[in-house]
Amino acid sequence: MIGRMTQGQLIAGIGAVVLLVAMFLPWIGTSGPSLPAGITVPSGVSTSSSENIWKGSTLDVYLLVTVIVAVIPALLALTDSAEEFSFVSAATFLLGVVAVILIAAYLTVDFPDGADRKIGAFIGAAAAIAIAYGGFRAMQEEVAGEI
């Protein structure tokens, strides 16, 4: 079943699944106000919180579109209709590159003040790089198949 997919489609598809999972992991960690000396916090109460990309950012919509477009070539290869939509690999590459740029900008320029970067952000960035690389490989494999 996986034998019909090219290596680029497989890389982009796995990257898309990882990016989708990373979108639900914490991306932003905030710590609450510091308490004066002598005041204790009851057990089970935390003064810090973490949020995933779905809260407080419009980046989530773009990343979801990137996931959907990156999975399409793999699904089309499994149904033997990949030849009908050869432009999807190019779209996967372009969306992956833009996702890498947007995540990098979000983590550097657009990140909330006083917040910590959590593991989900770095996994998401790595997955976006995998999607871009997979799209690039899929385009190369399509061109090599035509020659």
N, C-alpha and C. Protein backbone atom coordinates (compact mmCIF):
# COMPACT_ATOMS: atom_id res chain seq x y z
N MET A 1 0.83 -1.19 0.00
CA MET A 1 0.00 0.00 0.00
C MET A 1 0.87 1.25 0.00
N ILE A 2 1.94 1.26 0.80
CA ILE A 2 2.83 2.41 0.84
C ILE A 2 3.76 2.38 -0.37
N GLY A 3 3.88 1.25 -1.04
CA GLY A 3 4.78 1.12 -2.17
C GLY A 3 4.44 2.04 -3.33
N ARG A 4 3.20 2.49 -3.45
CA ARG A 4 2.80 3.39 -4.54
C ARG A 4 3.21 4.83 -4.28
N MET A 5 3.46 5.18 -3.05
CA MET A 5 3.85 6.55 -2.73
C MET A 5 5.33 6.74 -2.99
N THR A 6 5.68 7.93 -3.45
CA THR A 6 7.09 8.24 -3.61
C THR A 6 7.66 8.60 -2.24
N GLN A 7 8.97 8.67 -2.18
CA GLN A 7 9.61 9.00 -0.92
C GLN A 7 9.24 10.41 -0.47
N GLY A 8 9.14 11.35 -1.41
CA GLY A 8 8.76 12.71 -1.07
C GLY A 8 7.35 12.80 -0.52
N GLN A 9 6.42 12.06 -1.13
CA GLN A 9 5.04 12.04 -0.63
C GLN A 9 4.97 11.45 0.76
N LEU A 10 5.76 10.42 1.00
CA LEU A 10 5.78 9.80 2.32
C LEU A 10 6.33 10.76 3.37
N ILE A 11 7.42 11.46 3.04
CA ILE A 11 8.00 12.42 3.97
C ILE A 11 7.01 13.55 4.27
N ALA A 12 6.37 14.08 3.23
CA ALA A 12 5.41 15.17 3.43
C ALA A 12 4.20 14.69 4.21
N GLY A 13 3.74 13.48 3.95
CA GLY A 13 2.59 12.94 4.68
C GLY A 13 2.88 12.73 6.16
N ILE A 14 4.06 12.18 6.45
CA ILE A 14 4.45 11.99 7.86
C ILE A 14 4.64 13.34 8.53
N GLY A 15 5.25 14.30 7.83
CA GLY A 15 5.41 15.64 8.37
C GLY A 15 4.08 16.30 8.67
N ALA A 16 3.09 16.06 7.81
CA ALA A 16 1.75 16.63 8.02
C ALA A 16 1.09 16.05 9.26
N VAL A 17 1.22 14.74 9.45
CA VAL A 17 0.63 14.12 10.65
C VAL A 17 1.32 14.63 11.90
N VAL A 18 2.64 14.75 11.86
CA VAL A 18 3.39 15.27 13.01
C VAL A 18 3.00 16.72 13.30
N LEU A 19 2.83 17.53 12.25
CA LEU A 19 2.42 18.92 12.45
C LEU A 19 1.03 19.00 13.06
N LEU A 20 0.13 18.14 12.62
CA LEU A 20 -1.21 18.14 13.20
C LEU A 20 -1.17 17.79 14.68
N VAL A 21 -0.37 16.80 15.05
CA VAL A 21 -0.22 16.44 16.46
C VAL A 21 0.43 17.58 17.24
N ALA A 22 1.46 18.21 16.64
CA ALA A 22 2.16 19.29 17.32
C ALA A 22 1.26 20.49 17.57
N MET A 23 0.25 20.67 16.74
CA MET A 23 -0.66 21.80 16.93
C MET A 23 -1.46 21.67 18.22
N PHE A 24 -1.57 20.47 18.75
CA PHE A 24 -2.30 20.26 20.00
C PHE A 24 -1.38 20.22 21.21
N LEU A 25 -0.07 20.23 20.99
CA LEU A 25 0.90 20.28 22.09
C LEU A 25 1.08 21.73 22.53
N PRO A 26 1.61 21.95 23.73
CA PRO A 26 1.82 23.33 24.17
C PRO A 26 2.88 24.05 23.34
N TRP A 27 2.56 25.26 22.89
CA TRP A 27 3.49 26.11 22.14
C TRP A 27 3.95 27.28 23.00
N ILE A 28 3.07 27.76 23.86
CA ILE A 28 3.34 28.94 24.67
C ILE A 28 3.18 28.57 26.13
N GLY A 29 4.14 28.95 26.95
CA GLY A 29 4.04 28.75 28.39
C GLY A 29 4.12 30.09 29.10
N THR A 30 3.17 30.35 29.95
CA THR A 30 3.17 31.59 30.71
C THR A 30 3.20 31.27 32.19
N SER A 31 3.85 32.12 32.92
CA SER A 31 3.86 31.95 34.37
C SER A 31 3.02 33.07 34.97
N GLY A 32 2.32 32.71 36.02
CA GLY A 32 1.44 33.66 36.67
C GLY A 32 2.23 34.67 37.50
N PRO A 33 1.51 35.56 38.15
CA PRO A 33 2.20 36.56 38.97
C PRO A 33 2.90 35.91 40.15
N SER A 34 4.01 36.49 40.55
CA SER A 34 4.72 35.95 41.70
C SER A 34 3.97 36.32 42.97
N LEU A 35 3.91 35.38 43.88
CA LEU A 35 3.19 35.58 45.13
C LEU A 35 4.12 36.17 46.18
N PRO A 36 3.57 37.01 47.05
CA PRO A 36 4.41 37.55 48.13
C PRO A 36 4.90 36.44 49.04
N ALA A 37 5.99 36.73 49.73
CA ALA A 37 6.57 35.75 50.65
C ALA A 37 5.57 35.42 51.75
N GLY A 38 5.49 34.17 52.11
CA GLY A 38 4.61 33.74 53.18
C GLY A 38 3.26 33.23 52.69
N ILE A 39 2.91 33.48 51.46
CA ILE A 39 1.64 32.99 50.92
C ILE A 39 1.93 31.72 50.13
N THR A 40 1.24 30.66 50.50
CA THR A 40 1.44 29.39 49.83
C THR A 40 0.27 29.11 48.89
N VAL A 41 0.57 28.42 47.86
CA VAL A 41 -0.45 28.03 46.88
C VAL A 41 -1.00 26.68 47.29
N PRO A 42 -2.32 26.52 47.32
CA PRO A 42 -2.90 25.22 47.67
C PRO A 42 -2.44 24.14 46.69
N SER A 43 -2.40 22.92 47.15
CA SER A 43 -1.96 21.82 46.29
C SER A 43 -2.95 21.65 45.13
N GLY A 44 -2.42 21.38 43.98
CA GLY A 44 -3.25 21.21 42.79
C GLY A 44 -3.48 22.51 42.04
N VAL A 45 -3.08 23.65 42.59
CA VAL A 45 -3.24 24.93 41.92
C VAL A 45 -1.89 25.36 41.37
N SER A 46 -1.88 25.78 40.13
CA SER A 46 -0.64 26.20 39.49
C SER A 46 -0.73 27.67 39.09
N THR A 47 0.36 28.34 39.16
CA THR A 47 0.39 29.75 38.74
C THR A 47 0.90 29.89 37.31
N SER A 48 1.15 28.79 36.63
CA SER A 48 1.61 28.86 35.25
C SER A 48 0.61 28.12 34.36
N SER A 49 0.65 28.44 33.07
CA SER A 49 -0.23 27.77 32.12
C SER A 49 0.49 27.60 30.80
N SER A 50 -0.03 26.75 29.97
CA SER A 50 0.53 26.58 28.64
C SER A 50 -0.63 26.49 27.66
N GLU A 51 -0.39 26.99 26.45
CA GLU A 51 -1.42 27.01 25.42
C GLU A 51 -0.86 26.44 24.13
N ASN A 52 -1.73 25.81 23.36
CA ASN A 52 -1.31 25.32 22.06
C ASN A 52 -1.55 26.41 21.02
N ILE A 53 -1.31 26.09 19.78
CA ILE A 53 -1.38 27.10 18.71
C ILE A 53 -2.83 27.48 18.39
N TRP A 54 -3.80 26.71 18.85
CA TRP A 54 -5.20 26.99 18.56
C TRP A 54 -5.71 28.21 19.32
N LYS A 55 -5.02 28.61 20.37
CA LYS A 55 -5.48 29.74 21.18
C LYS A 55 -4.61 30.97 20.92
N GLY A 56 -5.24 32.05 20.55
CA GLY A 56 -4.55 33.32 20.48
C GLY A 56 -3.73 33.59 19.23
N SER A 57 -3.84 32.79 18.21
CA SER A 57 -3.05 33.01 17.01
C SER A 57 -3.86 32.62 15.78
N THR A 58 -3.63 33.32 14.69
CA THR A 58 -4.28 32.93 13.43
C THR A 58 -3.40 31.99 12.63
N LEU A 59 -2.24 31.67 13.17
CA LEU A 59 -1.34 30.74 12.51
C LEU A 59 -1.95 29.35 12.39
N ASP A 60 -2.87 29.02 13.28
CA ASP A 60 -3.47 27.69 13.28
C ASP A 60 -4.22 27.38 11.99
N VAL A 61 -4.91 28.36 11.43
CA VAL A 61 -5.67 28.13 10.20
C VAL A 61 -4.72 27.82 9.04
N TYR A 62 -3.64 28.59 8.94
CA TYR A 62 -2.69 28.35 7.87
C TYR A 62 -2.03 26.99 8.00
N LEU A 63 -1.65 26.63 9.22
CA LEU A 63 -1.00 25.33 9.43
C LEU A 63 -1.96 24.18 9.12
N LEU A 64 -3.24 24.35 9.44
CA LEU A 64 -4.23 23.31 9.11
C LEU A 64 -4.37 23.14 7.61
N VAL A 65 -4.38 24.24 6.87
CA VAL A 65 -4.44 24.16 5.40
C VAL A 65 -3.18 23.48 4.88
N THR A 66 -2.03 23.78 5.45
CA THR A 66 -0.78 23.13 5.05
C THR A 66 -0.84 21.63 5.29
N VAL A 67 -1.39 21.22 6.42
CA VAL A 67 -1.52 19.79 6.73
C VAL A 67 -2.40 19.12 5.69
N ILE A 68 -3.52 19.72 5.38
CA ILE A 68 -4.45 19.12 4.42
C ILE A 68 -3.81 18.98 3.04
N VAL A 69 -3.14 20.03 2.59
CA VAL A 69 -2.52 19.98 1.27
C VAL A 69 -1.34 19.01 1.24
N ALA A 70 -0.63 18.87 2.35
CA ALA A 70 0.51 17.94 2.38
C ALA A 70 0.06 16.49 2.39
N VAL A 71 -1.12 16.22 2.92
CA VAL A 71 -1.61 14.84 2.97
C VAL A 71 -2.23 14.43 1.63
N ILE A 72 -2.70 15.38 0.84
CA ILE A 72 -3.39 15.07 -0.41
C ILE A 72 -2.53 14.24 -1.38
N PRO A 73 -1.25 14.58 -1.64
CA PRO A 73 -0.48 13.74 -2.57
C PRO A 73 -0.35 12.29 -2.10
N ALA A 74 -0.19 12.10 -0.81
CA ALA A 74 -0.08 10.73 -0.30
C ALA A 74 -1.39 9.98 -0.49
N LEU A 75 -2.50 10.64 -0.21
CA LEU A 75 -3.80 9.99 -0.40
C LEU A 75 -4.08 9.71 -1.87
N LEU A 76 -3.70 10.64 -2.74
CA LEU A 76 -3.90 10.42 -4.17
C LEU A 76 -3.04 9.28 -4.68
N ALA A 77 -1.83 9.15 -4.15
CA ALA A 77 -0.96 8.04 -4.56
C ALA A 77 -1.55 6.70 -4.14
N LEU A 78 -2.19 6.67 -2.99
CA LEU A 78 -2.80 5.42 -2.52
C LEU A 78 -4.01 5.02 -3.37
N THR A 79 -4.67 6.01 -3.98
CA THR A 79 -5.85 5.71 -4.80
C THR A 79 -5.52 5.66 -6.29
N ASP A 80 -4.25 5.69 -6.64
CA ASP A 80 -3.79 5.63 -8.04
C ASP A 80 -4.28 6.79 -8.90
N SER A 81 -4.56 7.93 -8.31
CA SER A 81 -4.96 9.09 -9.10
C SER A 81 -3.98 10.24 -8.95
N ALA A 82 -2.76 9.93 -8.58
CA ALA A 82 -1.75 10.97 -8.36
C ALA A 82 -1.35 11.66 -9.65
N GLU A 83 -1.46 10.98 -10.78
CA GLU A 83 -1.05 11.58 -12.04
C GLU A 83 -1.99 12.70 -12.46
N GLU A 84 -3.23 12.68 -11.97
CA GLU A 84 -4.19 13.70 -12.35
C GLU A 84 -3.91 15.03 -11.67
N PHE A 85 -3.26 15.02 -10.54
CA PHE A 85 -3.04 16.23 -9.77
C PHE A 85 -1.55 16.39 -9.47
N SER A 86 -0.74 16.60 -10.47
CA SER A 86 0.70 16.69 -10.26
C SER A 86 1.09 18.03 -9.63
N PHE A 87 0.23 19.03 -9.68
CA PHE A 87 0.56 20.33 -9.11
C PHE A 87 0.53 20.32 -7.59
N VAL A 88 -0.03 19.29 -6.97
CA VAL A 88 -0.19 19.26 -5.52
C VAL A 88 1.17 19.17 -4.83
N SER A 89 2.13 18.51 -5.42
CA SER A 89 3.47 18.44 -4.82
C SER A 89 4.11 19.81 -4.78
N ALA A 90 3.92 20.59 -5.83
CA ALA A 90 4.44 21.96 -5.83
C ALA A 90 3.74 22.81 -4.78
N ALA A 91 2.44 22.63 -4.64
CA ALA A 91 1.69 23.36 -3.61
C ALA A 91 2.15 22.95 -2.22
N THR A 92 2.43 21.67 -2.04
CA THR A 92 2.93 21.18 -0.75
C THR A 92 4.27 21.83 -0.43
N PHE A 93 5.15 21.90 -1.41
CA PHE A 93 6.45 22.54 -1.20
C PHE A 93 6.29 24.01 -0.83
N LEU A 94 5.49 24.73 -1.60
CA LEU A 94 5.32 26.17 -1.34
C LEU A 94 4.67 26.43 0.02
N LEU A 95 3.63 25.69 0.34
CA LEU A 95 2.98 25.87 1.64
C LEU A 95 3.92 25.48 2.78
N GLY A 96 4.72 24.45 2.58
CA GLY A 96 5.69 24.06 3.61
C GLY A 96 6.73 25.13 3.85
N VAL A 97 7.23 25.74 2.78
CA VAL A 97 8.21 26.82 2.93
C VAL A 97 7.60 28.01 3.65
N VAL A 98 6.38 28.38 3.26
CA VAL A 98 5.72 29.51 3.92
C VAL A 98 5.41 29.17 5.38
N ALA A 99 5.07 27.93 5.67
CA ALA A 99 4.83 27.53 7.06
C ALA A 99 6.10 27.65 7.90
N VAL A 100 7.23 27.26 7.33
CA VAL A 100 8.50 27.40 8.04
C VAL A 100 8.77 28.88 8.34
N ILE A 101 8.57 29.73 7.35
CA ILE A 101 8.79 31.17 7.54
C ILE A 101 7.84 31.74 8.58
N LEU A 102 6.56 31.36 8.52
CA LEU A 102 5.59 31.88 9.49
C LEU A 102 5.87 31.39 10.91
N ILE A 103 6.26 30.14 11.06
CA ILE A 103 6.57 29.63 12.40
C ILE A 103 7.82 30.31 12.94
N ALA A 104 8.82 30.51 12.08
CA ALA A 104 10.03 31.21 12.52
C ALA A 104 9.71 32.64 12.93
N ALA A 105 8.87 33.31 12.18
CA ALA A 105 8.47 34.67 12.54
C ALA A 105 7.66 34.68 13.83
N TYR A 106 6.80 33.69 13.99
CA TYR A 106 5.99 33.61 15.21
C TYR A 106 6.87 33.38 16.44
N LEU A 107 7.87 32.53 16.30
CA LEU A 107 8.74 32.23 17.44
C LEU A 107 9.74 33.33 17.76
N THR A 108 10.00 34.23 16.82
CA THR A 108 10.98 35.28 17.07
C THR A 108 10.33 36.66 17.22
N VAL A 109 9.58 37.08 16.25
CA VAL A 109 9.06 38.44 16.23
C VAL A 109 7.70 38.56 16.90
N ASP A 110 6.82 37.62 16.62
CA ASP A 110 5.42 37.74 17.01
C ASP A 110 5.09 37.01 18.31
N PHE A 111 6.07 36.50 19.02
CA PHE A 111 5.82 35.70 20.21
C PHE A 111 5.41 36.61 21.37
N PRO A 112 4.45 36.18 22.21
CA PRO A 112 4.00 37.03 23.33
C PRO A 112 5.14 37.34 24.30
N ASP A 113 5.15 38.56 24.79
CA ASP A 113 6.19 38.98 25.75
C ASP A 113 6.05 38.22 27.05
N GLY A 114 7.16 37.82 27.61
CA GLY A 114 7.18 37.15 28.90
C GLY A 114 6.76 35.70 28.87
N ALA A 115 6.56 35.14 27.70
CA ALA A 115 6.13 33.75 27.57
C ALA A 115 7.33 32.87 27.20
N ASP A 116 7.19 31.60 27.48
CA ASP A 116 8.23 30.62 27.16
C ASP A 116 7.82 29.83 25.92
N ARG A 117 8.80 29.46 25.12
CA ARG A 117 8.54 28.59 23.97
C ARG A 117 8.54 27.16 24.46
N LYS A 118 7.49 26.43 24.12
CA LYS A 118 7.33 25.05 24.56
C LYS A 118 7.67 24.09 23.42
N ILE A 119 7.68 22.81 23.73
CA ILE A 119 8.12 21.76 22.81
C ILE A 119 7.27 21.68 21.54
N GLY A 120 5.99 21.98 21.63
CA GLY A 120 5.12 21.90 20.46
C GLY A 120 5.55 22.82 19.35
N ALA A 121 6.08 23.99 19.70
CA ALA A 121 6.53 24.95 18.69
C ALA A 121 7.72 24.40 17.91
N PHE A 122 8.62 23.75 18.60
CA PHE A 122 9.81 23.22 17.93
C PHE A 122 9.48 21.98 17.11
N ILE A 123 8.58 21.14 17.61
CA ILE A 123 8.13 19.98 16.83
C ILE A 123 7.38 20.46 15.59
N GLY A 124 6.55 21.48 15.75
CA GLY A 124 5.82 22.05 14.61
C GLY A 124 6.75 22.62 13.56
N ALA A 125 7.81 23.30 14.00
CA ALA A 125 8.79 23.85 13.04
C ALA A 125 9.50 22.72 12.29
N ALA A 126 9.88 21.67 13.01
CA ALA A 126 10.54 20.53 12.36
C ALA A 126 9.60 19.84 11.37
N ALA A 127 8.33 19.72 11.74
CA ALA A 127 7.35 19.10 10.84
C ALA A 127 7.13 19.95 9.59
N ALA A 128 7.12 21.27 9.74
CA ALA A 128 6.96 22.14 8.57
C ALA A 128 8.16 22.02 7.65
N ILE A 129 9.35 21.88 8.21
CA ILE A 129 10.55 21.66 7.40
C ILE A 129 10.44 20.33 6.66
N ALA A 130 9.93 19.30 7.33
CA ALA A 130 9.75 17.99 6.69
C ALA A 130 8.73 18.07 5.55
N ILE A 131 7.66 18.85 5.75
CA ILE A 131 6.65 19.01 4.69
C ILE A 131 7.27 19.70 3.48
N ALA A 132 8.03 20.77 3.70
CA ALA A 132 8.67 21.48 2.59
C ALA A 132 9.66 20.57 1.86
N TYR A 133 10.46 19.83 2.62
CA TYR A 133 11.43 18.92 2.01
C TYR A 133 10.71 17.81 1.24
N GLY A 134 9.66 17.25 1.83
CA GLY A 134 8.90 16.20 1.15
C GLY A 134 8.26 16.69 -0.13
N GLY A 135 7.72 17.90 -0.11
CA GLY A 135 7.15 18.48 -1.32
C GLY A 135 8.20 18.69 -2.39
N PHE A 136 9.38 19.14 -1.98
CA PHE A 136 10.48 19.33 -2.91
C PHE A 136 10.92 18.01 -3.53
N ARG A 137 11.05 16.98 -2.68
CA ARG A 137 11.43 15.66 -3.18
C ARG A 137 10.37 15.10 -4.13
N ALA A 138 9.10 15.31 -3.78
CA ALA A 138 8.03 14.81 -4.65
C ALA A 138 8.06 15.49 -6.00
N MET A 139 8.36 16.79 -6.03
CA MET A 139 8.48 17.49 -7.32
C MET A 139 9.63 16.93 -8.13
N GLN A 140 10.77 16.68 -7.48
CA GLN A 140 11.92 16.10 -8.17
C GLN A 140 11.59 14.72 -8.73
N GLU A 141 10.88 13.93 -7.94
CA GLU A 141 10.53 12.58 -8.38
C GLU A 141 9.56 12.60 -9.54
N GLU A 142 8.64 13.59 -9.56
CA GLU A 142 7.71 13.70 -10.70
C GLU A 142 8.46 14.08 -11.97
N VAL A 143 9.41 15.00 -11.87
CA VAL A 143 10.19 15.41 -13.03
C VAL A 143 11.07 14.27 -13.52
N ALA A 144 11.66 13.54 -12.58
CA ALA A 144 12.51 12.40 -12.97
C ALA A 144 11.70 11.32 -13.65
N GLY A 145 10.45 11.17 -13.26
CA GLY A 145 9.59 10.15 -13.87
C GLY A 145 9.16 10.52 -15.28
N GLU A 146 9.15 11.82 -15.60
CA GLU A 146 8.74 12.27 -16.91
C GLU A 146 9.86 12.22 -17.94
N ILE A 147 11.10 12.18 -17.47
CA ILE A 147 12.23 12.20 -18.39
C ILE A 147 12.48 10.83 -18.95
